[in-house]
Amino acid sequence: MSQTTTRSRTVELPARIHRRVEARLPRSEFGSTDEYVTFVLEEVLSRVEDATEEENFQSIDRTEVEDRLRSLGYVSD
């Protein structure tokens, strides 16, 4: 996976999410949890951005993003 920029930020994840990602790494093409999480977030954001462009929204619907992240197991209730 190529990285378009070397700048990064630290994001805290719940330990349970980190464990789930680590458990998936051996069955993926990713070499680290950072790569995996970056890919997942890029995919989710891309889908949300595509949906908002198609529907001609002016802003991203926070509820939609939270629901999607929750359905993927990245956000708990």
Protein backbone atom coordinates (compact mmCIF):
# COMPACT_ATOMS: atom_id res chain seq x y z
CA MET A 1 0.00 0.00 0.00
CA SER A 2 1.50 3.30 -1.01
CA GLN A 3 1.34 6.26 1.26
CA THR A 4 0.76 9.64 -0.38
CA THR A 5 2.16 11.61 2.51
CA THR A 6 4.54 10.95 5.35
CA ARG A 7 2.66 13.18 7.78
CA SER A 8 0.56 11.27 10.25
CA ARG A 9 -1.46 11.77 13.40
CA THR A 10 -2.06 9.53 16.38
CA VAL A 11 -5.57 8.17 16.84
CA GLU A 12 -6.60 6.15 19.88
CA LEU A 13 -8.60 2.99 19.31
CA PRO A 14 -10.36 0.88 21.89
CA ALA A 15 -8.27 -2.18 22.77
CA ARG A 16 -11.02 -4.49 21.50
CA ILE A 17 -10.85 -2.91 18.03
CA HIS A 18 -7.06 -3.15 18.01
CA ARG A 19 -7.29 -6.85 18.93
CA ARG A 20 -9.78 -7.49 16.12
CA VAL A 21 -7.54 -5.78 13.58
CA GLU A 22 -4.48 -7.68 14.80
CA ALA A 23 -6.41 -10.95 14.49
CA ARG A 24 -7.19 -10.14 10.84
CA LEU A 25 -3.65 -9.15 9.84
CA PRO A 26 -2.41 -12.69 9.05
CA ARG A 27 -5.31 -13.09 6.59
CA SER A 28 -4.68 -9.75 4.88
CA GLU A 29 -2.13 -8.00 2.72
CA PHE A 30 -1.37 -5.45 5.44
CA GLY A 31 1.82 -5.43 7.44
CA SER A 32 0.56 -3.48 10.44
CA THR A 33 -2.55 -2.36 12.24
CA ASP A 34 -1.78 1.20 11.09
CA GLU A 35 -1.93 0.13 7.42
CA TYR A 36 -5.13 -1.83 7.97
CA VAL A 37 -6.94 0.95 9.84
CA THR A 38 -5.78 3.55 7.31
CA PHE A 39 -7.18 1.44 4.48
CA VAL A 40 -10.52 0.90 6.24
CA LEU A 41 -10.92 4.59 7.06
CA GLU A 42 -10.04 5.60 3.49
CA GLU A 43 -12.64 3.15 2.17
CA VAL A 44 -15.36 4.39 4.52
CA LEU A 45 -14.57 8.04 3.80
CA SER A 46 -14.52 7.39 0.06
CA ARG A 47 -17.95 5.77 0.17
CA VAL A 48 -19.39 8.57 2.29
CA GLU A 49 -17.88 11.21 0.02
CA ASP A 50 -19.19 9.43 -3.08
CA ALA A 51 -22.65 9.19 -1.56
CA THR A 52 -22.70 12.84 -0.60
CA GLU A 53 -21.53 13.92 -4.06
CA GLU A 54 -24.20 11.77 -5.71
CA GLU A 55 -26.89 13.23 -3.51
CA ASN A 56 -25.48 16.75 -3.84
CA PHE A 57 -25.06 17.25 -0.08
CA GLN A 58 -23.22 20.28 1.21
CA SER A 59 -21.76 18.48 4.23
CA ILE A 60 -21.10 14.97 5.48
CA ASP A 61 -23.85 13.51 7.63
CA ARG A 62 -22.18 12.71 10.95
CA THR A 63 -24.85 10.14 11.83
CA GLU A 64 -24.24 8.24 8.59
CA VAL A 65 -20.49 8.09 9.24
CA GLU A 66 -21.02 6.97 12.83
CA ASP A 67 -23.54 4.31 11.74
CA ARG A 68 -21.13 2.98 9.13
CA LEU A 69 -18.20 2.89 11.56
CA ARG A 70 -20.45 1.21 14.14
CA SER A 71 -21.52 -1.45 11.59
CA LEU A 72 -17.83 -2.15 10.90
CA GLY A 73 -17.14 -2.50 14.63
CA TYR A 74 -15.00 0.63 14.98
CA VAL A 75 -17.47 2.52 17.20
CA SER A 76 -19.48 1.12 20.07
CA ASP A 77 -22.79 2.38 21.42
